[in-house]
């Protein structure tokens, strides 16, 4: 199954439930261009299941700082028990993400 995903720069929106139930997903890298995660429960986000809901192995997410406030486990990352805080998008963190992608 899918173990990692890197959304390319230029993408501004990820649709509802786009990666929900990806059992093997470990790493996700979100671009600085991303403005909207379409999910329920907030005026910033629109209705539907969380983008990464039920990704039980998801443990590392790289995202630009403007998305860190959107880190709401009850919406975007519900049932992602291994996920810690979002990681700041820096060259060092990108390298860590690549290492995890390689070994996943």
N, C-alpha and C. Protein backbone atom coordinates (compact mmCIF):
# COMPACT_ATOMS: atom_id res chain seq x y z
N UNK A 1 0.81 -1.19 0.00
CA UNK A 1 0.00 0.00 0.00
C UNK A 1 0.85 1.25 0.00
N UNK A 2 0.20 2.36 -0.04
CA UNK A 2 0.83 3.68 -0.03
C UNK A 2 1.49 3.92 1.32
N UNK A 3 2.82 4.17 1.34
CA UNK A 3 3.52 4.40 2.60
C UNK A 3 3.91 5.86 2.80
N UNK A 4 3.98 6.63 1.72
CA UNK A 4 4.32 8.04 1.85
C UNK A 4 3.67 8.82 0.71
N UNK A 5 3.44 10.10 0.99
CA UNK A 5 2.87 10.97 -0.03
C UNK A 5 3.53 12.34 0.10
N UNK A 6 3.94 12.89 -1.03
CA UNK A 6 4.46 14.25 -1.09
C UNK A 6 3.58 15.02 -2.06
N UNK A 7 2.85 15.96 -1.52
CA UNK A 7 1.97 16.79 -2.35
C UNK A 7 2.85 17.87 -2.97
N UNK A 8 2.83 18.02 -4.29
CA UNK A 8 3.72 19.00 -4.94
C UNK A 8 3.32 20.44 -4.64
N UNK A 9 4.33 21.32 -4.65
CA UNK A 9 4.08 22.74 -4.47
C UNK A 9 3.19 23.23 -5.60
N UNK A 10 2.30 24.10 -5.29
CA UNK A 10 1.33 24.60 -6.27
C UNK A 10 -0.07 24.09 -5.95
N UNK A 11 -0.17 22.96 -5.26
CA UNK A 11 -1.47 22.44 -4.84
C UNK A 11 -1.98 23.33 -3.71
N UNK A 12 -3.22 23.80 -3.82
CA UNK A 12 -3.77 24.72 -2.82
C UNK A 12 -4.87 24.08 -1.96
N UNK A 13 -5.32 22.89 -2.35
CA UNK A 13 -6.44 22.27 -1.63
C UNK A 13 -6.32 20.75 -1.72
N UNK A 14 -6.65 20.09 -0.61
CA UNK A 14 -6.76 18.62 -0.60
C UNK A 14 -8.20 18.30 -0.23
N UNK A 15 -8.83 17.46 -1.01
CA UNK A 15 -10.24 17.15 -0.83
C UNK A 15 -10.55 16.26 0.37
N UNK A 16 -11.82 16.25 0.73
CA UNK A 16 -12.33 15.47 1.86
C UNK A 16 -11.92 14.01 1.75
N UNK A 17 -11.36 13.49 2.82
CA UNK A 17 -11.05 12.06 2.90
C UNK A 17 -10.04 11.58 1.88
N UNK A 18 -9.25 12.47 1.30
CA UNK A 18 -8.34 12.10 0.21
C UNK A 18 -7.41 10.94 0.58
N UNK A 19 -6.94 10.92 1.82
CA UNK A 19 -6.04 9.87 2.26
C UNK A 19 -6.61 9.08 3.43
N UNK A 20 -7.89 9.22 3.68
CA UNK A 20 -8.53 8.50 4.79
C UNK A 20 -8.41 6.99 4.57
N UNK A 21 -8.16 6.29 5.64
CA UNK A 21 -8.07 4.82 5.64
C UNK A 21 -6.88 4.28 4.86
N UNK A 22 -5.83 5.08 4.68
CA UNK A 22 -4.59 4.57 4.06
C UNK A 22 -3.80 3.88 5.18
N UNK A 23 -4.06 2.61 5.37
CA UNK A 23 -3.52 1.84 6.48
C UNK A 23 -2.00 1.86 6.57
N UNK A 24 -1.30 1.95 5.45
CA UNK A 24 0.16 1.84 5.45
C UNK A 24 0.85 3.19 5.36
N UNK A 25 0.11 4.29 5.28
CA UNK A 25 0.71 5.61 5.15
C UNK A 25 1.47 5.97 6.42
N UNK A 26 2.77 6.31 6.27
CA UNK A 26 3.63 6.65 7.40
C UNK A 26 4.02 8.13 7.38
N UNK A 27 4.30 8.67 6.18
CA UNK A 27 4.83 10.03 6.03
C UNK A 27 3.98 10.81 5.03
N UNK A 28 3.68 12.06 5.38
CA UNK A 28 3.00 12.97 4.45
C UNK A 28 3.73 14.31 4.46
N UNK A 29 4.02 14.83 3.28
CA UNK A 29 4.65 16.14 3.14
C UNK A 29 3.67 17.05 2.41
N UNK A 30 3.32 18.15 3.08
CA UNK A 30 2.34 19.10 2.53
C UNK A 30 3.06 20.37 2.10
N UNK A 31 2.74 20.92 0.93
CA UNK A 31 3.46 22.08 0.40
C UNK A 31 3.05 23.39 1.08
N UNK A 32 3.92 24.38 0.97
CA UNK A 32 3.63 25.71 1.51
C UNK A 32 2.45 26.35 0.79
N UNK A 33 2.20 25.93 -0.45
CA UNK A 33 1.09 26.50 -1.23
C UNK A 33 -0.27 26.04 -0.73
N UNK A 34 -0.31 24.99 0.08
CA UNK A 34 -1.58 24.42 0.54
C UNK A 34 -2.31 25.43 1.42
N UNK A 35 -3.57 25.69 1.08
CA UNK A 35 -4.39 26.65 1.83
C UNK A 35 -5.57 26.00 2.51
N UNK A 36 -6.09 24.91 1.97
CA UNK A 36 -7.32 24.32 2.49
C UNK A 36 -7.24 22.81 2.56
N UNK A 37 -7.63 22.29 3.72
CA UNK A 37 -7.90 20.86 3.87
C UNK A 37 -9.41 20.77 4.03
N UNK A 38 -10.08 20.10 3.11
CA UNK A 38 -11.54 20.07 3.15
C UNK A 38 -12.02 19.01 4.13
N UNK A 39 -12.46 19.48 5.29
CA UNK A 39 -12.99 18.61 6.33
C UNK A 39 -14.07 19.34 7.10
N UNK A 40 -14.65 18.68 8.07
CA UNK A 40 -15.75 19.27 8.83
C UNK A 40 -15.27 19.93 10.11
N UNK A 41 -16.10 20.78 10.69
CA UNK A 41 -15.92 21.24 12.05
C UNK A 41 -15.30 22.60 12.25
N UNK A 42 -14.97 23.33 11.21
CA UNK A 42 -14.35 24.63 11.38
C UNK A 42 -14.69 25.52 10.19
N UNK A 43 -14.79 26.82 10.40
CA UNK A 43 -15.08 27.70 9.26
C UNK A 43 -13.97 27.64 8.20
N UNK A 44 -12.73 27.34 8.60
CA UNK A 44 -11.62 27.27 7.66
C UNK A 44 -11.71 26.01 6.80
N UNK A 45 -12.33 24.98 7.34
CA UNK A 45 -12.40 23.69 6.67
C UNK A 45 -13.84 23.38 6.32
N UNK A 46 -14.04 22.69 5.21
CA UNK A 46 -15.39 22.41 4.73
C UNK A 46 -15.77 20.96 5.01
N UNK A 47 -17.06 20.63 4.95
CA UNK A 47 -17.61 19.37 5.42
C UNK A 47 -17.05 18.10 4.83
N UNK A 48 -17.11 17.02 5.58
CA UNK A 48 -16.68 15.70 5.14
C UNK A 48 -15.68 15.09 6.10
N UNK A 49 -15.26 13.85 5.81
CA UNK A 49 -14.30 13.18 6.69
C UNK A 49 -12.94 13.84 6.60
N UNK A 50 -12.15 13.70 7.67
CA UNK A 50 -10.82 14.26 7.70
C UNK A 50 -9.92 13.72 6.60
N UNK A 51 -9.05 14.55 6.10
CA UNK A 51 -8.17 14.20 4.99
C UNK A 51 -7.32 12.98 5.31
N UNK A 52 -6.82 12.87 6.54
CA UNK A 52 -5.95 11.75 6.92
C UNK A 52 -6.59 10.85 7.99
N UNK A 53 -7.90 10.86 8.09
CA UNK A 53 -8.59 10.06 9.11
C UNK A 53 -8.29 8.57 8.95
N UNK A 54 -8.08 7.88 10.07
CA UNK A 54 -7.88 6.43 10.12
C UNK A 54 -6.62 5.97 9.39
N UNK A 55 -5.59 6.81 9.39
CA UNK A 55 -4.27 6.40 8.88
C UNK A 55 -3.47 5.95 10.11
N UNK A 56 -3.65 4.71 10.50
CA UNK A 56 -3.15 4.20 11.78
C UNK A 56 -1.64 4.19 11.91
N UNK A 57 -0.90 4.20 10.81
CA UNK A 57 0.56 4.19 10.88
C UNK A 57 1.18 5.57 10.59
N UNK A 58 0.36 6.56 10.29
CA UNK A 58 0.88 7.90 10.01
C UNK A 58 1.59 8.44 11.24
N UNK A 59 2.88 8.75 11.09
CA UNK A 59 3.64 9.19 12.25
C UNK A 59 4.46 10.46 12.00
N UNK A 60 4.51 10.95 10.76
CA UNK A 60 5.35 12.10 10.45
C UNK A 60 4.68 12.93 9.37
N UNK A 61 4.35 14.18 9.68
CA UNK A 61 3.74 15.09 8.71
C UNK A 61 4.56 16.37 8.67
N UNK A 62 5.03 16.72 7.48
CA UNK A 62 5.78 17.96 7.25
C UNK A 62 4.81 18.97 6.64
N UNK A 63 4.75 20.17 7.24
CA UNK A 63 3.82 21.18 6.75
C UNK A 63 4.37 22.57 7.05
N UNK A 64 4.02 23.52 6.20
CA UNK A 64 4.39 24.91 6.43
C UNK A 64 3.75 25.41 7.72
N UNK A 65 4.37 26.38 8.35
CA UNK A 65 3.91 26.85 9.66
C UNK A 65 2.48 27.35 9.66
N UNK A 66 1.98 27.90 8.55
CA UNK A 66 0.60 28.41 8.54
C UNK A 66 -0.43 27.28 8.66
N UNK A 67 -0.01 26.04 8.48
CA UNK A 67 -0.93 24.91 8.64
C UNK A 67 -0.86 24.28 10.03
N UNK A 68 0.09 24.68 10.84
CA UNK A 68 0.24 24.06 12.16
C UNK A 68 -0.96 24.30 13.06
N UNK A 69 -1.61 25.44 12.94
CA UNK A 69 -2.81 25.71 13.72
C UNK A 69 -3.97 24.83 13.30
N UNK A 70 -3.87 24.24 12.11
CA UNK A 70 -4.93 23.38 11.59
C UNK A 70 -4.78 21.95 12.07
N UNK A 71 -3.80 21.70 12.90
CA UNK A 71 -3.53 20.34 13.36
C UNK A 71 -4.56 19.95 14.42
N UNK A 72 -5.72 19.55 13.98
CA UNK A 72 -6.81 19.18 14.86
C UNK A 72 -7.05 17.69 14.71
N UNK A 73 -6.62 16.92 15.70
CA UNK A 73 -6.73 15.46 15.61
C UNK A 73 -8.17 14.98 15.45
N UNK A 74 -9.10 15.71 16.03
CA UNK A 74 -10.49 15.30 15.94
C UNK A 74 -11.07 15.46 14.54
N UNK A 75 -10.40 16.20 13.69
CA UNK A 75 -10.91 16.43 12.34
C UNK A 75 -9.98 15.81 11.31
N UNK A 76 -8.78 16.34 11.19
CA UNK A 76 -7.87 15.93 10.12
C UNK A 76 -7.19 14.60 10.36
N UNK A 77 -6.84 14.34 11.60
CA UNK A 77 -6.01 13.19 11.93
C UNK A 77 -6.68 12.26 12.94
N UNK A 78 -7.99 12.16 12.89
CA UNK A 78 -8.71 11.27 13.80
C UNK A 78 -8.24 9.84 13.58
N UNK A 79 -8.00 9.14 14.67
CA UNK A 79 -7.54 7.74 14.64
C UNK A 79 -6.18 7.59 13.96
N UNK A 80 -5.29 8.54 14.21
CA UNK A 80 -3.88 8.46 13.78
C UNK A 80 -3.04 8.45 15.06
N UNK A 81 -3.02 7.33 15.78
CA UNK A 81 -2.45 7.31 17.12
C UNK A 81 -0.94 7.51 17.19
N UNK A 82 -0.21 7.31 16.12
CA UNK A 82 1.26 7.45 16.14
C UNK A 82 1.74 8.85 15.79
N UNK A 83 0.83 9.72 15.36
CA UNK A 83 1.21 11.04 14.90
C UNK A 83 1.51 11.98 16.06
N UNK A 84 2.69 12.58 16.02
CA UNK A 84 3.06 13.63 16.97
C UNK A 84 2.70 14.98 16.36
N UNK A 85 3.34 16.05 16.83
CA UNK A 85 3.07 17.37 16.26
C UNK A 85 3.53 17.45 14.81
N UNK A 86 2.92 18.35 14.05
CA UNK A 86 3.37 18.59 12.69
C UNK A 86 4.80 19.11 12.73
N UNK A 87 5.57 18.72 11.74
CA UNK A 87 6.97 19.16 11.65
C UNK A 87 7.07 20.37 10.75
N UNK A 88 7.86 21.35 11.19
CA UNK A 88 8.11 22.55 10.39
C UNK A 88 8.83 22.16 9.10
N UNK A 89 8.47 22.81 8.01
CA UNK A 89 9.07 22.52 6.71
C UNK A 89 10.44 23.19 6.61
N UNK A 90 11.49 22.45 6.94
CA UNK A 90 12.87 22.93 6.85
C UNK A 90 13.67 21.89 6.07
N UNK A 91 14.84 22.25 5.56
CA UNK A 91 15.66 21.25 4.85
C UNK A 91 15.98 20.02 5.70
N UNK A 92 16.28 20.22 6.99
CA UNK A 92 16.60 19.09 7.86
C UNK A 92 15.40 18.16 8.02
N UNK A 93 14.23 18.73 8.21
CA UNK A 93 13.02 17.93 8.38
C UNK A 93 12.67 17.21 7.08
N UNK A 94 12.84 17.89 5.94
CA UNK A 94 12.61 17.23 4.64
C UNK A 94 13.51 16.02 4.49
N UNK A 95 14.76 16.14 4.92
CA UNK A 95 15.69 15.01 4.86
C UNK A 95 15.20 13.86 5.75
N UNK A 96 14.72 14.18 6.94
CA UNK A 96 14.17 13.16 7.83
C UNK A 96 12.97 12.46 7.18
N UNK A 97 12.13 13.26 6.53
CA UNK A 97 10.96 12.69 5.84
C UNK A 97 11.40 11.75 4.73
N UNK A 98 12.42 12.14 3.97
CA UNK A 98 12.93 11.27 2.90
C UNK A 98 13.48 9.97 3.46
N UNK A 99 14.18 10.05 4.58
CA UNK A 99 14.70 8.82 5.22
C UNK A 99 13.56 7.90 5.62
N UNK A 100 12.53 8.47 6.24
CA UNK A 100 11.37 7.67 6.64
C UNK A 100 10.67 7.07 5.42
N UNK A 101 10.54 7.84 4.35
CA UNK A 101 9.92 7.34 3.14
C UNK A 101 10.71 6.16 2.59
N UNK A 102 12.02 6.27 2.62
CA UNK A 102 12.87 5.20 2.10
C UNK A 102 12.71 3.92 2.90
N UNK A 103 12.66 4.05 4.22
CA UNK A 103 12.62 2.86 5.09
C UNK A 103 11.20 2.36 5.36
N UNK A 104 10.19 3.06 4.85
CA UNK A 104 8.79 2.63 5.09
C UNK A 104 8.39 1.54 4.13
